[in-house]
Amino acid sequence: MRHALLRSCRAIATALALAAVALAAGGCKRPIVGGCAVFPADNAWNQDVSQLPVDANSANYIASIMASGGNGHLHADFGGGGAYGIPYVVVPVTQPGVPVNFTDYGDESDPGPYPVPLDAPIEGNGQGDAHVIAVQQGSCKLYEMYNAHPTAQGWDASSGAVFDLNSNALRPDRWTSADAAGLPILAGLVRYDEVQAGAITHAVRVTVGRAQKAWVHPATHYGTSTDPNTPPYGTRLRLRADFDVSGYHGEAQVILEALKKYGMIVADQGSSWFITGASDARWDDEDLNQLKTVPGTAFEAVQLGEVHHY
């Protein structure tokens, strides 16, 4: 009996140890789309930054964003019964590839063919940035295009990028992607299914009015400002630990908890403090509108890595 209890205790201890290792490695935390983990557990998008130090230039970065347009508060750039946000599609491994004609940034784009059906949803129904995103099951490859429009045989797009969701490989330095900063868009989208599950386990995409002509990894491309107090692309902004989110509820509270733990990554120039989500008719705009009460001054910049200048 004693030996049996000892073996049982050892088995429990081993199971707990293995569980601890799995949790430490982030094995239970990675977001999943189409059966594919969205990048490895140690990828920058999946990193818990809640305990990292504040950047020495944080106050200047925040002041710059506050002065660069908008009303100085957080804003969910998704909702509206599915009218807002960036859509994506999941395609099977058998999805045939079609040619892509790059009309602007072909020298910084990954060549086709892309397995993106010609009826894939387009952001804004083809207006504005007109992003198109597809995740291919089986291969776990991510295909993203900017300013994309279907043709008789394939797609015209200003730029395009292909990401291996099993890899931490970055774009070449100075290269853009379907996003200005050279980042994958899908990794930073707030998705309805994860919010309903109660936790977002990755950083969120955010735009600012002006970005520095520089970048920090995982970004690989640069903005337009020569002011060193404007944030470079790739800057990680985190909701301060002392900001009380207990008064928020529903979708907004889940998002705010994620912004404390994983933060948001500056990915493009646009309206300041606008965070990006997937287009979905199920979003509750009343819930999301709570975010409009969160001031930009409630955020801080996490310590940057090496700043690469254009």
C-alpha atoms as a PDB file:
ATOM      1  CA  MET A   1       0.000   0.000   0.000  1.00  0.00           C
ATOM      2  CA  ARG A   2       2.823   2.371   0.939  1.00  0.00           C
ATOM      3  CA  HIS A   3       4.633   1.663  -2.337  1.00  0.00           C
ATOM      4  CA  ALA A   4       1.455   2.218  -4.287  1.00  0.00           C
ATOM      5  CA  LEU A   5       0.925   5.573  -2.575  1.00  0.00           C
ATOM      6  CA  LEU A   6       4.535   6.513  -3.260  1.00  0.00           C
ATOM      7  CA  ARG A   7       4.157   5.637  -6.937  1.00  0.00           C
ATOM      8  CA  SER A   8       0.923   7.621  -7.056  1.00  0.00           C
ATOM      9  CA  CYS A   9       2.555  10.666  -5.460  1.00  0.00           C
ATOM     10  CA  ARG A  10       5.461  10.432  -7.873  1.00  0.00           C
ATOM     11  CA  ALA A  11       3.067  10.196 -10.814  1.00  0.00           C
ATOM     12  CA  ILE A  12       1.201  13.272  -9.609  1.00  0.00           C
ATOM     13  CA  ALA A  13       4.460  15.161  -9.074  1.00  0.00           C
ATOM     14  CA  THR A  14       5.636  14.217 -12.562  1.00  0.00           C
ATOM     15  CA  ALA A  15       2.345  15.313 -14.100  1.00  0.00           C
ATOM     16  CA  LEU A  16       2.488  18.632 -12.265  1.00  0.00           C
ATOM     17  CA  ALA A  17       6.079  19.167 -13.343  1.00  0.00           C
ATOM     18  CA  LEU A  18       5.204  18.459 -16.961  1.00  0.00           C
ATOM     19  CA  ALA A  19       2.247  20.809 -16.734  1.00  0.00           C
ATOM     20  CA  ALA A  20       4.490  23.525 -15.309  1.00  0.00           C
ATOM     21  CA  VAL A  21       6.947  23.056 -18.169  1.00  0.00           C
ATOM     22  CA  ALA A  22       4.128  23.234 -20.706  1.00  0.00           C
ATOM     23  CA  LEU A  23       2.806  26.421 -19.155  1.00  0.00           C
ATOM     24  CA  ALA A  24       6.264  27.968 -18.978  1.00  0.00           C
ATOM     25  CA  ALA A  25       6.783  27.190 -22.640  1.00  0.00           C
ATOM     26  CA  GLY A  26       3.459  28.784 -23.452  1.00  0.00           C
ATOM     27  CA  GLY A  27       2.141  25.521 -24.883  1.00  0.00           C
ATOM     28  CA  CYS A  28      -1.371  26.241 -23.599  1.00  0.00           C
ATOM     29  CA  LYS A  29      -1.358  29.886 -24.542  1.00  0.00           C
ATOM     30  CA  ARG A  30      -0.856  30.110 -28.285  1.00  0.00           C
ATOM     31  CA  PRO A  31      -3.786  31.407 -30.313  1.00  0.00           C
ATOM     32  CA  ILE A  32      -5.170  28.922 -32.851  1.00  0.00           C
ATOM     33  CA  VAL A  33      -6.662  29.728 -36.262  1.00  0.00           C
ATOM     34  CA  GLY A  34      -7.776  27.019 -38.658  1.00  0.00           C
ATOM     35  CA  GLY A  35      -6.095  24.372 -36.526  1.00  0.00           C
ATOM     36  CA  CYS A  36      -2.770  26.214 -36.776  1.00  0.00           C
ATOM     37  CA  ALA A  37      -0.979  27.798 -33.833  1.00  0.00           C
ATOM     38  CA  VAL A  38      -0.334  31.440 -34.717  1.00  0.00           C
ATOM     39  CA  PHE A  39       3.461  31.397 -34.358  1.00  0.00           C
ATOM     40  CA  PRO A  40       5.556  29.566 -31.756  1.00  0.00           C
ATOM     41  CA  ALA A  41       5.000  30.084 -28.042  1.00  0.00           C
ATOM     42  CA  ASP A  42       8.160  32.212 -27.756  1.00  0.00           C
ATOM     43  CA  ASN A  43       7.201  34.492 -30.644  1.00  0.00           C
ATOM     44  CA  ALA A  44       7.117  38.212 -29.860  1.00  0.00           C
ATOM     45  CA  TRP A  45       3.375  38.366 -30.513  1.00  0.00           C
ATOM     46  CA  ASN A  46       2.759  35.722 -27.838  1.00  0.00           C
ATOM     47  CA  GLN A  47       5.089  37.196 -25.219  1.00  0.00           C
ATOM     48  CA  ASP A  48       3.833  38.168 -21.765  1.00  0.00           C
ATOM     49  CA  VAL A  49       5.284  41.669 -21.286  1.00  0.00           C
ATOM     50  CA  SER A  50       3.535  42.542 -18.027  1.00  0.00           C
ATOM     51  CA  GLN A  51       6.771  42.417 -16.008  1.00  0.00           C
ATOM     52  CA  LEU A  52       9.169  44.011 -18.503  1.00  0.00           C
ATOM     53  CA  PRO A  53      10.692  47.414 -17.701  1.00  0.00           C
ATOM     54  CA  VAL A  54       9.332  50.680 -19.052  1.00  0.00           C
ATOM     55  CA  ASP A  55      11.323  52.338 -21.829  1.00  0.00           C
ATOM     56  CA  ALA A  56      13.297  55.412 -20.814  1.00  0.00           C
ATOM     57  CA  ASN A  57      11.597  57.409 -23.579  1.00  0.00           C
ATOM     58  CA  SER A  58       8.107  56.133 -22.799  1.00  0.00           C
ATOM     59  CA  ALA A  59       6.659  59.474 -21.678  1.00  0.00           C
ATOM     60  CA  ASN A  60       7.783  61.151 -24.902  1.00  0.00           C
ATOM     61  CA  TYR A  61       6.376  58.371 -27.062  1.00  0.00           C
ATOM     62  CA  ILE A  62       3.006  58.585 -25.316  1.00  0.00           C
ATOM     63  CA  ALA A  63       2.971  62.397 -25.578  1.00  0.00           C
ATOM     64  CA  SER A  64       3.770  62.149 -29.290  1.00  0.00           C
ATOM     65  CA  ILE A  65       0.891  59.754 -29.913  1.00  0.00           C
ATOM     66  CA  MET A  66      -1.467  61.935 -27.895  1.00  0.00           C
ATOM     67  CA  ALA A  67      -0.507  64.926 -30.055  1.00  0.00           C
ATOM     68  CA  SER A  68      -0.759  63.105 -33.395  1.00  0.00           C
ATOM     69  CA  GLY A  69      -4.495  63.194 -33.971  1.00  0.00           C
ATOM     70  CA  GLY A  70      -7.584  61.457 -32.684  1.00  0.00           C
ATOM     71  CA  ASN A  71      -9.299  62.156 -29.382  1.00  0.00           C
ATOM     72  CA  GLY A  72      -6.620  60.638 -27.182  1.00  0.00           C
ATOM     73  CA  HIS A  73      -8.586  57.528 -26.209  1.00  0.00           C
ATOM     74  CA  LEU A  74      -8.587  53.871 -27.126  1.00  0.00           C
ATOM     75  CA  HIS A  75     -10.873  52.878 -29.973  1.00  0.00           C
ATOM     76  CA  ALA A  76     -11.966  49.482 -31.295  1.00  0.00           C
ATOM     77  CA  ASP A  77     -11.555  49.687 -35.067  1.00  0.00           C
ATOM     78  CA  PHE A  78     -13.943  46.776 -35.536  1.00  0.00           C
ATOM     79  CA  GLY A  79     -17.614  46.040 -34.962  1.00  0.00           C
ATOM     80  CA  GLY A  80     -20.542  47.713 -36.666  1.00  0.00           C
ATOM     81  CA  GLY A  81     -22.267  44.431 -37.436  1.00  0.00           C
ATOM     82  CA  GLY A  82     -19.168  43.232 -39.259  1.00  0.00           C
ATOM     83  CA  ALA A  83     -18.740  46.395 -41.331  1.00  0.00           C
ATOM     84  CA  TYR A  84     -15.492  47.297 -39.578  1.00  0.00           C
ATOM     85  CA  GLY A  85     -12.367  45.293 -38.942  1.00  0.00           C
ATOM     86  CA  ILE A  86     -10.156  43.112 -41.119  1.00  0.00           C
ATOM     87  CA  PRO A  87     -11.609  39.807 -42.346  1.00  0.00           C
ATOM     88  CA  TYR A  88      -9.676  36.597 -42.907  1.00  0.00           C
ATOM     89  CA  VAL A  89     -10.446  33.246 -44.472  1.00  0.00           C
ATOM     90  CA  VAL A  90      -9.258  29.717 -43.670  1.00  0.00           C
ATOM     91  CA  VAL A  91      -8.575  27.566 -46.725  1.00  0.00           C
ATOM     92  CA  PRO A  92      -7.746  23.854 -47.029  1.00  0.00           C
ATOM     93  CA  VAL A  93      -4.314  22.554 -47.937  1.00  0.00           C
ATOM     94  CA  THR A  94      -5.813  21.594 -51.318  1.00  0.00           C
ATOM     95  CA  GLN A  95      -6.757  25.198 -52.146  1.00  0.00           C
ATOM     96  CA  PRO A  96      -5.166  25.944 -55.544  1.00  0.00           C
ATOM     97  CA  GLY A  97      -2.743  28.826 -55.822  1.00  0.00           C
ATOM     98  CA  VAL A  98      -3.474  31.755 -58.110  1.00  0.00           C
ATOM     99  CA  PRO A  99      -1.047  34.358 -59.501  1.00  0.00           C
ATOM    100  CA  VAL A 100      -0.558  37.684 -57.749  1.00  0.00           C
ATOM    101  CA  ASN A 101       0.439  40.790 -59.701  1.00  0.00           C
ATOM    102  CA  PHE A 102       2.175  43.274 -57.408  1.00  0.00           C
ATOM    103  CA  THR A 103       1.429  46.820 -58.485  1.00  0.00           C
ATOM    104  CA  ASP A 104       3.588  48.864 -56.088  1.00  0.00           C
ATOM    105  CA  TYR A 105       6.011  47.020 -53.810  1.00  0.00           C
ATOM    106  CA  GLY A 106       6.848  43.876 -55.723  1.00  0.00           C
ATOM    107  CA  ASP A 107      10.520  44.106 -54.761  1.00  0.00           C
ATOM    108  CA  GLU A 108       9.519  43.713 -51.087  1.00  0.00           C
ATOM    109  CA  SER A 109       6.798  41.121 -51.643  1.00  0.00           C
ATOM    110  CA  ASP A 110       6.801  37.333 -51.579  1.00  0.00           C
ATOM    111  CA  PRO A 111       5.954  36.033 -55.056  1.00  0.00           C
ATOM    112  CA  GLY A 112       2.819  34.038 -55.793  1.00  0.00           C
ATOM    113  CA  PRO A 113       0.964  31.928 -56.390  1.00  0.00           C
ATOM    114  CA  TYR A 114      -1.140  32.436 -53.256  1.00  0.00           C
ATOM    115  CA  PRO A 115      -3.881  29.927 -52.298  1.00  0.00           C
ATOM    116  CA  VAL A 116      -6.439  32.715 -51.892  1.00  0.00           C
ATOM    117  CA  PRO A 117      -9.845  32.200 -53.517  1.00  0.00           C
ATOM    118  CA  LEU A 118     -11.032  35.025 -55.730  1.00  0.00           C
ATOM    119  CA  ASP A 119     -14.125  35.444 -53.549  1.00  0.00           C
ATOM    120  CA  ALA A 120     -12.093  35.874 -50.344  1.00  0.00           C
ATOM    121  CA  PRO A 121     -13.407  38.712 -48.150  1.00  0.00           C
ATOM    122  CA  ILE A 122     -11.685  42.062 -48.657  1.00  0.00           C
ATOM    123  CA  GLU A 123     -11.357  44.659 -45.914  1.00  0.00           C
ATOM    124  CA  GLY A 124     -13.843  47.484 -46.443  1.00  0.00           C
ATOM    125  CA  ASN A 125     -15.303  45.669 -49.445  1.00  0.00           C
ATOM    126  CA  GLY A 126     -12.296  46.823 -51.442  1.00  0.00           C
ATOM    127  CA  GLN A 127     -12.198  50.372 -50.126  1.00  0.00           C
ATOM    128  CA  GLY A 128      -9.369  51.864 -48.050  1.00  0.00           C
ATOM    129  CA  ASP A 129      -6.482  49.509 -47.288  1.00  0.00           C
ATOM    130  CA  ALA A 130      -8.331  46.524 -48.811  1.00  0.00           C
ATOM    131  CA  HIS A 131      -6.390  43.870 -46.904  1.00  0.00           C
ATOM    132  CA  VAL A 132      -6.937  40.201 -47.780  1.00  0.00           C
ATOM    133  CA  ILE A 133      -5.792  37.466 -45.377  1.00  0.00           C
ATOM    134  CA  ALA A 134      -5.831  33.696 -45.735  1.00  0.00           C
ATOM    135  CA  VAL A 135      -4.607  30.913 -43.449  1.00  0.00           C
ATOM    136  CA  GLN A 136      -3.936  27.605 -45.169  1.00  0.00           C
ATOM    137  CA  GLN A 137      -4.672  24.541 -43.089  1.00  0.00           C
ATOM    138  CA  GLY A 138      -2.141  21.733 -43.110  1.00  0.00           C
ATOM    139  CA  SER A 139       0.750  23.854 -44.364  1.00  0.00           C
ATOM    140  CA  CYS A 140      -0.005  26.469 -41.671  1.00  0.00           C
ATOM    141  CA  LYS A 141       1.087  29.268 -43.961  1.00  0.00           C
ATOM    142  CA  LEU A 142      -0.311  32.771 -43.676  1.00  0.00           C
ATOM    143  CA  TYR A 143      -0.902  34.805 -46.847  1.00  0.00           C
ATOM    144  CA  GLU A 144      -1.590  38.532 -46.586  1.00  0.00           C
ATOM    145  CA  MET A 145      -2.099  41.201 -49.251  1.00  0.00           C
ATOM    146  CA  TYR A 146      -2.515  44.969 -49.155  1.00  0.00           C
ATOM    147  CA  ASN A 147      -4.716  46.933 -51.557  1.00  0.00           C
ATOM    148  CA  ALA A 148      -5.848  43.666 -53.098  1.00  0.00           C
ATOM    149  CA  HIS A 149      -8.454  43.240 -55.828  1.00  0.00           C
ATOM    150  CA  PRO A 150      -9.413  40.105 -57.743  1.00  0.00           C
ATOM    151  CA  THR A 151      -8.847  39.837 -61.476  1.00  0.00           C
ATOM    152  CA  ALA A 152     -10.035  37.269 -63.997  1.00  0.00           C
ATOM    153  CA  GLN A 153      -7.167  34.911 -63.115  1.00  0.00           C
ATOM    154  CA  GLY A 154      -5.780  35.986 -59.740  1.00  0.00           C
ATOM    155  CA  TRP A 155      -5.131  39.120 -57.705  1.00  0.00           C
ATOM    156  CA  ASP A 156      -3.697  42.594 -58.149  1.00  0.00           C
ATOM    157  CA  ALA A 157      -2.131  43.833 -54.912  1.00  0.00           C
ATOM    158  CA  SER A 158       0.191  46.634 -53.875  1.00  0.00           C
ATOM    159  CA  SER A 159       2.183  44.211 -51.706  1.00  0.00           C
ATOM    160  CA  GLY A 160       2.025  40.752 -50.218  1.00  0.00           C
ATOM    161  CA  ALA A 161       3.741  38.592 -47.642  1.00  0.00           C
ATOM    162  CA  VAL A 162       3.823  34.917 -46.730  1.00  0.00           C
ATOM    163  CA  PHE A 163       4.516  33.835 -43.134  1.00  0.00           C
ATOM    164  CA  ASP A 164       5.233  30.346 -41.831  1.00  0.00           C
ATOM    165  CA  LEU A 165       3.138  30.097 -38.665  1.00  0.00           C
ATOM    166  CA  ASN A 166       5.563  27.504 -37.268  1.00  0.00           C
ATOM    167  CA  SER A 167       8.521  29.886 -37.511  1.00  0.00           C
ATOM    168  CA  ASN A 168       9.784  33.039 -35.784  1.00  0.00           C
ATOM    169  CA  ALA A 169      11.489  34.244 -38.976  1.00  0.00           C
ATOM    170  CA  LEU A 170      11.047  37.963 -39.640  1.00  0.00           C
ATOM    171  CA  ARG A 171      10.821  39.834 -42.918  1.00  0.00           C
ATOM    172  CA  PRO A 172      14.167  41.161 -44.164  1.00  0.00           C
ATOM    173  CA  ASP A 173      15.056  44.481 -42.544  1.00  0.00           C
ATOM    174  CA  ARG A 174      13.681  47.445 -44.543  1.00  0.00           C
ATOM    175  CA  TRP A 175      10.967  45.260 -46.082  1.00  0.00           C
ATOM    176  CA  THR A 176       7.312  46.016 -45.642  1.00  0.00           C
ATOM    177  CA  SER A 177       4.551  43.378 -45.743  1.00  0.00           C
ATOM    178  CA  ALA A 178       0.805  43.769 -46.190  1.00  0.00           C
ATOM    179  CA  ASP A 179       1.218  46.014 -43.138  1.00  0.00           C
ATOM    180  CA  ALA A 180       3.396  49.128 -43.147  1.00  0.00           C
ATOM    181  CA  ALA A 181       5.667  47.869 -40.359  1.00  0.00           C
ATOM    182  CA  GLY A 182       6.476  44.570 -42.085  1.00  0.00           C
ATOM    183  CA  LEU A 183       4.440  42.652 -39.517  1.00  0.00           C
ATOM    184  CA  PRO A 184       1.831  39.917 -39.934  1.00  0.00           C
ATOM    185  CA  ILE A 185      -1.658  41.349 -39.490  1.00  0.00           C
ATOM    186  CA  LEU A 186      -3.480  38.197 -38.399  1.00  0.00           C
ATOM    187  CA  ALA A 187      -1.289  37.796 -35.293  1.00  0.00           C
ATOM    188  CA  GLY A 188      -2.530  41.111 -33.887  1.00  0.00           C
ATOM    189  CA  LEU A 189      -6.242  40.852 -34.652  1.00  0.00           C
ATOM    190  CA  VAL A 190      -8.706  40.734 -31.764  1.00  0.00           C
ATOM    191  CA  ARG A 191     -10.934  37.781 -32.691  1.00  0.00           C
ATOM    192  CA  TYR A 192     -14.474  37.196 -31.468  1.00  0.00           C
ATOM    193  CA  ASP A 193     -13.932  33.536 -30.587  1.00  0.00           C
ATOM    194  CA  GLU A 194     -11.002  34.226 -28.256  1.00  0.00           C
ATOM    195  CA  VAL A 195     -12.794  37.089 -26.519  1.00  0.00           C
ATOM    196  CA  GLN A 196     -15.818  34.873 -25.944  1.00  0.00           C
ATOM    197  CA  ALA A 197     -13.494  32.196 -24.544  1.00  0.00           C
ATOM    198  CA  GLY A 198     -12.412  34.777 -21.968  1.00  0.00           C
ATOM    199  CA  ALA A 199      -8.791  35.487 -22.863  1.00  0.00           C
ATOM    200  CA  ILE A 200      -6.710  37.011 -25.651  1.00  0.00           C
ATOM    201  CA  THR A 201      -3.248  35.457 -25.497  1.00  0.00           C
ATOM    202  CA  HIS A 202      -1.294  37.703 -27.830  1.00  0.00           C
ATOM    203  CA  ALA A 203      -0.437  41.329 -28.481  1.00  0.00           C
ATOM    204  CA  VAL A 204      -2.883  43.499 -30.422  1.00  0.00           C
ATOM    205  CA  ARG A 205      -2.276  45.552 -33.555  1.00  0.00           C
ATOM    206  CA  VAL A 206      -2.514  49.339 -33.069  1.00  0.00           C
ATOM    207  CA  THR A 207      -2.100  52.392 -35.274  1.00  0.00           C
ATOM    208  CA  VAL A 208      -0.679  55.800 -34.356  1.00  0.00           C
ATOM    209  CA  GLY A 209      -0.803  59.163 -36.080  1.00  0.00           C
ATOM    210  CA  ARG A 210       2.934  59.334 -36.727  1.00  0.00           C
ATOM    211  CA  ALA A 211       5.683  56.719 -36.540  1.00  0.00           C
ATOM    212  CA  GLN A 212       9.405  57.279 -36.494  1.00  0.00           C
ATOM    213  CA  LYS A 213      11.532  56.548 -39.571  1.00  0.00           C
ATOM    214  CA  ALA A 214      12.865  53.531 -37.685  1.00  0.00           C
ATOM    215  CA  TRP A 215      11.830  50.118 -36.436  1.00  0.00           C
ATOM    216  CA  VAL A 216      12.350  47.640 -33.625  1.00  0.00           C
ATOM    217  CA  HIS A 217      11.869  43.928 -34.127  1.00  0.00           C
ATOM    218  CA  PRO A 218       9.563  42.200 -34.776  1.00  0.00           C
ATOM    219  CA  ALA A 219       8.830  45.122 -37.164  1.00  0.00           C
ATOM    220  CA  THR A 220      11.153  45.454 -40.145  1.00  0.00           C
ATOM    221  CA  HIS A 221       9.975  48.640 -41.852  1.00  0.00           C
ATOM    222  CA  TYR A 222       9.883  52.328 -40.987  1.00  0.00           C
ATOM    223  CA  GLY A 223       7.510  55.265 -40.614  1.00  0.00           C
ATOM    224  CA  THR A 224       7.862  58.832 -41.844  1.00  0.00           C
ATOM    225  CA  SER A 225       8.834  61.038 -38.880  1.00  0.00           C
ATOM    226  CA  THR A 226      12.410  62.096 -38.109  1.00  0.00           C
ATOM    227  CA  ASP A 227      11.414  63.090 -34.560  1.00  0.00           C
ATOM    228  CA  PRO A 228      13.126  60.645 -32.146  1.00  0.00           C
ATOM    229  CA  ASN A 229      10.252  61.103 -29.698  1.00  0.00           C
ATOM    230  CA  THR A 230       7.759  59.482 -32.048  1.00  0.00           C
ATOM    231  CA  PRO A 231       7.505  55.701 -31.614  1.00  0.00           C
ATOM    232  CA  PRO A 232       9.253  53.456 -34.145  1.00  0.00           C
ATOM    233  CA  TYR A 233       7.277  50.711 -35.769  1.00  0.00           C
ATOM    234  CA  GLY A 234       7.281  47.665 -33.522  1.00  0.00           C
ATOM    235  CA  THR A 235       7.004  49.706 -30.308  1.00  0.00           C
ATOM    236  CA  ARG A 236       5.117  47.717 -27.660  1.00  0.00           C
ATOM    237  CA  LEU A 237       2.573  49.734 -25.696  1.00  0.00           C
ATOM    238  CA  ARG A 238       1.174  48.272 -22.475  1.00  0.00           C
ATOM    239  CA  LEU A 239      -1.817  49.267 -20.361  1.00  0.00           C
ATOM    240  CA  ARG A 240      -0.382  50.272 -17.005  1.00  0.00           C
ATOM    241  CA  ALA A 241      -0.771  47.774 -14.179  1.00  0.00           C
ATOM    242  CA  ASP A 242      -2.408  50.397 -11.958  1.00  0.00           C
ATOM    243  CA  PHE A 243      -5.229  51.100 -14.407  1.00  0.00           C
ATOM    244  CA  ASP A 244      -8.394  49.702 -12.826  1.00  0.00           C
ATOM    245  CA  VAL A 245     -10.356  47.527 -15.258  1.00  0.00           C
ATOM    246  CA  SER A 246     -12.801  46.148 -12.667  1.00  0.00           C
ATOM    247  CA  GLY A 247     -15.498  48.589 -13.747  1.00  0.00           C
ATOM    248  CA  TYR A 248     -15.463  47.272 -17.315  1.00  0.00           C
ATOM    249  CA  HIS A 249     -17.373  44.221 -18.435  1.00  0.00           C
ATOM    250  CA  GLY A 250     -17.787  41.768 -21.276  1.00  0.00           C
ATOM    251  CA  GLU A 251     -15.690  42.088 -24.397  1.00  0.00           C
ATOM    252  CA  ALA A 252     -14.041  45.316 -23.280  1.00  0.00           C
ATOM    253  CA  GLN A 253     -12.736  43.825 -20.041  1.00  0.00           C
ATOM    254  CA  VAL A 254     -11.189  40.825 -21.834  1.00  0.00           C
ATOM    255  CA  ILE A 255      -9.430  43.177 -24.251  1.00  0.00           C
ATOM    256  CA  LEU A 256      -8.117  45.416 -21.477  1.00  0.00           C
ATOM    257  CA  GLU A 257      -6.739  42.460 -19.527  1.00  0.00           C
ATOM    258  CA  ALA A 258      -4.846  41.413 -22.668  1.00  0.00           C
ATOM    259  CA  LEU A 259      -3.460  44.924 -23.107  1.00  0.00           C
ATOM    260  CA  LYS A 260      -1.988  44.690 -19.602  1.00  0.00           C
ATOM    261  CA  LYS A 261      -0.395  41.299 -20.193  1.00  0.00           C
ATOM    262  CA  TYR A 262       0.550  41.280 -23.889  1.00  0.00           C
ATOM    263  CA  GLY A 263       0.199  44.935 -24.889  1.00  0.00           C
ATOM    264  CA  MET A 264      -0.198  46.226 -28.402  1.00  0.00           C
ATOM    265  CA  ILE A 265       2.339  46.653 -31.199  1.00  0.00           C
ATOM    266  CA  VAL A 266       2.574  49.776 -33.396  1.00  0.00           C
ATOM    267  CA  ALA A 267       1.985  48.482 -36.918  1.00  0.00           C
ATOM    268  CA  ASP A 268       0.875  51.384 -39.117  1.00  0.00           C
ATOM    269  CA  GLN A 269       0.183  55.088 -39.275  1.00  0.00           C
ATOM    270  CA  GLY A 270      -3.478  55.988 -38.987  1.00  0.00           C
ATOM    271  CA  SER A 271      -5.843  57.144 -36.278  1.00  0.00           C
ATOM    272  CA  SER A 272      -4.035  57.091 -32.946  1.00  0.00           C
ATOM    273  CA  TRP A 273      -5.002  54.446 -30.382  1.00  0.00           C
ATOM    274  CA  PHE A 274      -7.115  52.470 -32.875  1.00  0.00           C
ATOM    275  CA  ILE A 275      -6.781  48.741 -32.178  1.00  0.00           C
ATOM    276  CA  THR A 276      -7.611  46.237 -34.905  1.00  0.00           C
ATOM    277  CA  GLY A 277      -9.979  43.293 -34.736  1.00  0.00           C
ATOM    278  CA  ALA A 278     -11.365  40.752 -37.145  1.00  0.00           C
ATOM    279  CA  SER A 279     -14.602  41.740 -38.818  1.00  0.00           C
ATOM    280  CA  ASP A 280     -17.448  39.774 -37.274  1.00  0.00           C
ATOM    281  CA  ALA A 281     -21.177  40.470 -37.121  1.00  0.00           C
ATOM    282  CA  ARG A 282     -21.326  39.188 -33.531  1.00  0.00           C
ATOM    283  CA  TRP A 283     -19.347  41.998 -31.889  1.00  0.00           C
ATOM    284  CA  ASP A 284     -21.313  43.943 -29.279  1.00  0.00           C
ATOM    285  CA  ASP A 285     -20.724  47.618 -30.087  1.00  0.00           C
ATOM    286  CA  GLU A 286     -22.117  48.698 -26.737  1.00  0.00           C
ATOM    287  CA  ASP A 287     -19.493  46.571 -25.000  1.00  0.00           C
ATOM    288  CA  LEU A 288     -16.695  47.761 -27.280  1.00  0.00           C
ATOM    289  CA  ASN A 289     -17.637  51.412 -26.779  1.00  0.00           C
ATOM    290  CA  GLN A 290     -16.433  51.134 -23.172  1.00  0.00           C
ATOM    291  CA  LEU A 291     -12.902  51.241 -24.589  1.00  0.00           C
ATOM    292  CA  LYS A 292     -13.472  54.850 -25.626  1.00  0.00           C
ATOM    293  CA  THR A 293     -13.185  55.847 -21.964  1.00  0.00           C
ATOM    294  CA  VAL A 294      -9.588  54.548 -21.706  1.00  0.00           C
ATOM    295  CA  PRO A 295      -7.157  57.462 -22.194  1.00  0.00           C
ATOM    296  CA  GLY A 296      -3.919  57.054 -24.100  1.00  0.00           C
ATOM    297  CA  THR A 297      -2.140  58.343 -21.008  1.00  0.00           C
ATOM    298  CA  ALA A 298      -3.015  55.033 -19.314  1.00  0.00           C
ATOM    299  CA  PHE A 299      -0.399  53.331 -21.505  1.00  0.00           C
ATOM    300  CA  GLU A 300       3.373  53.093 -21.340  1.00  0.00           C
ATOM    301  CA  ALA A 301       6.021  51.892 -23.789  1.00  0.00           C
ATOM    302  CA  VAL A 302       7.773  48.660 -22.879  1.00  0.00           C
ATOM    303  CA  GLN A 303      11.557  48.883 -23.094  1.00  0.00           C
ATOM    304  CA  LEU A 304      12.539  48.781 -26.748  1.00  0.00           C
ATOM    305  CA  GLY A 305      15.201  46.539 -28.163  1.00  0.00           C
ATOM    306  CA  GLU A 306      17.688  47.789 -30.731  1.00  0.00           C
ATOM    307  CA  VAL A 307      16.251  50.660 -32.772  1.00  0.00           C
ATOM    308  CA  HIS A 308      17.058  50.299 -36.478  1.00  0.00           C
ATOM    309  CA  HIS A 309      17.118  53.566 -38.408  1.00  0.00           C
ATOM    310  CA  TYR A 310      16.365  53.989 -42.088  1.00  0.00           C
END
